[in-house]
Every structure is written in C-alpha cells, then in structure tokens.
N, C-alpha and C. Protein backbone atom coordinates (compact mmCIF):
# COMPACT_ATOMS: atom_id res chain seq x y z
N MET A 1 161.62 -183.82 -144.93
CA MET A 1 160.36 -184.99 -144.87
C MET A 1 160.64 -185.10 -146.88
N THR A 2 161.06 -186.03 -147.26
CA THR A 2 160.72 -186.47 -148.94
C THR A 2 159.88 -185.33 -150.06
N HIS A 3 160.12 -185.66 -150.46
CA HIS A 3 158.91 -185.25 -151.83
C HIS A 3 157.50 -185.81 -151.91
N GLU A 4 158.16 -187.75 -151.64
CA GLU A 4 157.36 -188.12 -152.33
C GLU A 4 156.45 -188.71 -150.88
N GLU A 5 157.02 -188.12 -149.73
CA GLU A 5 156.35 -188.74 -147.79
C GLU A 5 155.19 -186.97 -148.08
N ARG A 6 155.70 -185.84 -148.80
CA ARG A 6 154.67 -184.68 -148.77
C ARG A 6 153.47 -185.02 -149.71
N GLN A 7 153.86 -185.35 -151.25
CA GLN A 7 152.61 -185.87 -152.07
C GLN A 7 151.91 -186.90 -151.44
N PHE A 8 152.05 -187.89 -150.70
CA PHE A 8 151.31 -189.25 -149.75
C PHE A 8 151.06 -188.26 -149.06
N ILE A 9 151.40 -186.97 -147.89
CA ILE A 9 150.34 -186.43 -147.38
C ILE A 9 148.98 -185.83 -148.36
N VAL A 10 149.46 -185.35 -149.16
CA VAL A 10 148.87 -184.47 -149.87
C VAL A 10 147.71 -185.81 -150.38
N SER A 11 147.93 -186.62 -151.00
CA SER A 11 147.06 -187.79 -151.71
C SER A 11 145.93 -187.68 -150.60
N VAL A 12 146.36 -188.35 -149.53
CA VAL A 12 145.44 -188.77 -147.78
C VAL A 12 144.29 -187.51 -147.91
N LYS A 13 144.99 -186.55 -148.02
CA LYS A 13 144.13 -185.07 -147.73
C LYS A 13 143.14 -184.99 -148.60
N GLU A 14 143.36 -185.31 -150.08
CA GLU A 14 142.44 -185.08 -151.38
C GLU A 14 141.99 -186.53 -151.32
N GLY A 15 142.09 -187.60 -150.28
CA GLY A 15 140.90 -188.35 -150.24
C GLY A 15 141.56 -190.03 -151.10
N LYS A 16 142.36 -189.78 -151.77
CA LYS A 16 142.73 -190.62 -152.52
C LYS A 16 144.12 -191.25 -152.37
N PRO A 17 144.51 -190.94 -151.30
CA PRO A 17 145.80 -192.17 -151.04
C PRO A 17 146.66 -192.90 -152.13
N GLN A 18 147.89 -192.52 -152.33
CA GLN A 18 149.05 -193.13 -153.06
C GLN A 18 149.54 -193.95 -152.27
N TRP A 19 149.53 -195.42 -152.20
CA TRP A 19 149.90 -195.73 -150.70
C TRP A 19 151.64 -196.46 -151.49
N ASN A 20 151.70 -196.45 -152.84
CA ASN A 20 152.79 -196.71 -152.99
C ASN A 20 154.18 -195.57 -152.90
N LEU A 21 153.65 -194.27 -152.49
CA LEU A 21 154.83 -193.21 -152.18
C LEU A 21 155.58 -193.52 -151.42
N LEU A 22 154.65 -194.55 -149.90
CA LEU A 22 155.80 -195.06 -149.20
C LEU A 22 156.32 -195.68 -149.17
N GLY A 23 156.33 -197.33 -149.68
CA GLY A 23 156.25 -198.45 -149.51
C GLY A 23 156.29 -199.12 -148.26
N VAL A 24 155.34 -198.86 -147.47
CA VAL A 24 154.62 -199.84 -146.14
C VAL A 24 154.04 -200.17 -146.19
N PRO A 25 154.27 -201.53 -146.28
CA PRO A 25 153.08 -202.13 -146.31
C PRO A 25 152.23 -202.64 -145.40
N GLY A 26 150.98 -202.72 -145.69
CA GLY A 26 149.85 -202.71 -144.76
C GLY A 26 149.29 -201.35 -144.45
N ILE A 27 150.17 -199.89 -144.70
CA ILE A 27 149.51 -199.17 -144.19
C ILE A 27 148.20 -198.23 -144.18
N GLU A 28 147.62 -198.94 -145.22
CA GLU A 28 146.18 -198.83 -145.83
C GLU A 28 145.34 -199.06 -144.40
N ASN A 29 145.75 -200.18 -144.26
CA ASN A 29 144.91 -201.49 -143.07
C ASN A 29 144.84 -200.18 -141.39
N LEU A 30 145.96 -199.65 -141.51
CA LEU A 30 146.02 -198.71 -139.83
C LEU A 30 144.68 -198.00 -139.80
N PRO A 31 144.10 -198.22 -138.45
CA PRO A 31 143.00 -197.54 -137.99
C PRO A 31 143.41 -196.31 -138.08
N THR A 32 144.46 -195.50 -137.76
CA THR A 32 144.70 -194.23 -137.65
C THR A 32 144.54 -193.40 -138.76
N VAL A 33 144.84 -194.19 -140.23
CA VAL A 33 144.41 -193.83 -141.37
C VAL A 33 143.25 -194.27 -142.20
N GLN A 34 142.24 -194.77 -141.64
CA GLN A 34 141.22 -195.45 -142.14
C GLN A 34 140.17 -194.06 -141.34
N TRP A 35 140.65 -193.90 -140.23
CA TRP A 35 140.03 -192.59 -139.41
C TRP A 35 140.36 -191.23 -139.94
N LYS A 36 141.31 -191.25 -140.39
CA LYS A 36 141.20 -189.74 -141.15
C LYS A 36 140.50 -189.89 -142.19
N LEU A 37 140.92 -190.72 -143.49
CA LEU A 37 139.74 -190.71 -144.43
C LEU A 37 138.36 -190.82 -144.34
N LEU A 38 137.79 -191.16 -142.69
CA LEU A 38 136.51 -191.42 -143.00
C LEU A 38 136.08 -189.51 -142.74
N ASN A 39 136.85 -188.94 -141.95
CA ASN A 39 136.70 -187.91 -141.04
C ASN A 39 136.96 -186.74 -142.59
N ILE A 40 137.91 -187.06 -143.79
CA ILE A 40 137.96 -186.27 -144.35
C ILE A 40 136.64 -186.43 -145.60
N GLY A 41 136.05 -187.40 -145.43
CA GLY A 41 135.05 -187.79 -146.21
C GLY A 41 133.95 -187.23 -145.38
N ARG A 42 133.77 -186.82 -144.29
CA ARG A 42 132.65 -186.14 -143.71
C ARG A 42 132.49 -184.40 -143.68
N MET A 43 133.90 -184.21 -144.49
CA MET A 43 133.54 -182.58 -144.39
C MET A 43 133.26 -182.35 -146.02
N THR A 44 132.71 -181.02 -145.77
CA THR A 44 131.95 -180.01 -146.73
C THR A 44 133.08 -179.81 -147.78
N GLN A 45 132.42 -179.63 -149.24
CA GLN A 45 133.69 -179.21 -150.09
C GLN A 45 134.54 -178.52 -150.00
N ARG A 46 133.24 -177.06 -148.99
CA ARG A 46 134.17 -175.90 -148.72
C ARG A 46 135.43 -176.01 -147.96
N GLU A 47 134.90 -176.77 -147.00
CA GLU A 47 135.83 -177.26 -145.98
C GLU A 47 137.24 -178.12 -146.27
N HIS A 48 137.14 -179.31 -147.43
CA HIS A 48 137.65 -179.92 -147.70
C HIS A 48 138.77 -179.03 -148.64
N ARG A 49 138.41 -178.30 -149.66
CA ARG A 49 139.24 -177.25 -150.42
C ARG A 49 140.38 -176.02 -149.51
N GLU A 50 139.59 -175.89 -148.61
CA GLU A 50 140.25 -174.92 -147.70
C GLU A 50 141.85 -176.11 -146.86
N ALA A 51 140.94 -176.65 -146.45
CA ALA A 51 142.35 -177.39 -145.85
C ALA A 51 143.25 -177.91 -146.71
N LEU A 52 142.83 -178.68 -147.94
CA LEU A 52 143.78 -178.92 -148.91
C LEU A 52 144.70 -178.15 -149.54
N ARG A 53 144.26 -176.93 -149.76
CA ARG A 53 144.96 -175.32 -149.85
C ARG A 53 145.99 -175.34 -148.88
N LYS A 54 145.65 -175.17 -147.34
CA LYS A 54 146.58 -174.98 -146.25
C LYS A 54 147.73 -175.80 -146.20
N LEU A 55 147.29 -177.14 -146.54
CA LEU A 55 148.15 -178.42 -146.69
C LEU A 55 149.12 -178.21 -147.63
N ARG A 56 148.81 -177.92 -149.05
CA ARG A 56 149.80 -177.54 -150.56
C ARG A 56 150.42 -176.04 -149.63
N ASP A 57 150.39 -175.75 -148.71
CA ASP A 57 150.66 -174.34 -148.99
C ASP A 57 151.74 -174.55 -147.77
N TYR A 58 151.34 -175.14 -146.58
CA TYR A 58 152.47 -175.76 -145.93
C TYR A 58 153.37 -176.33 -146.49
N LEU A 59 153.30 -177.50 -146.82
CA LEU A 59 154.01 -178.32 -147.23
C LEU A 59 155.03 -177.75 -148.84
N GLY A 60 154.47 -176.77 -149.35
CA GLY A 60 155.12 -176.30 -150.29
C GLY A 60 155.10 -177.68 -151.75
N VAL A 61 153.68 -177.68 -151.75
CA VAL A 61 153.49 -179.12 -152.62
C VAL A 61 152.81 -178.13 -153.77
C-alpha cells in the first residue's frame, strides 16, 4: 500500500476525505464510501479517537 493510499484511508476515518490522494474519479459518490462516512459521523468522540489511533498504529502513519 502506498503512502498516499494510507493517508487517504486515515483522512476518511478523520471524516475529511482527501479525494485527490487516490486520483479515482467519482470515488466520493460510491455508496460504500458514503456509508462509511455516515457511520464515522455517528461515532462518539471517544470511539472516534480510539478507532483513529488504532488505524494510524496499524498503518504506521
């Protein structure tokens, strides 16, 4: 996985996707991506912080 791909995944988990990191036209319109963002928005701050920490540790970002 490239550094840009890892950064993109983290940006999605942060709730602020950096679409330009992937260079895939229309990715922001995919139902799976929208569903993920919706679920991230429903997390408590504590859940979100912990999930983001675990993801960063796993990806080494």
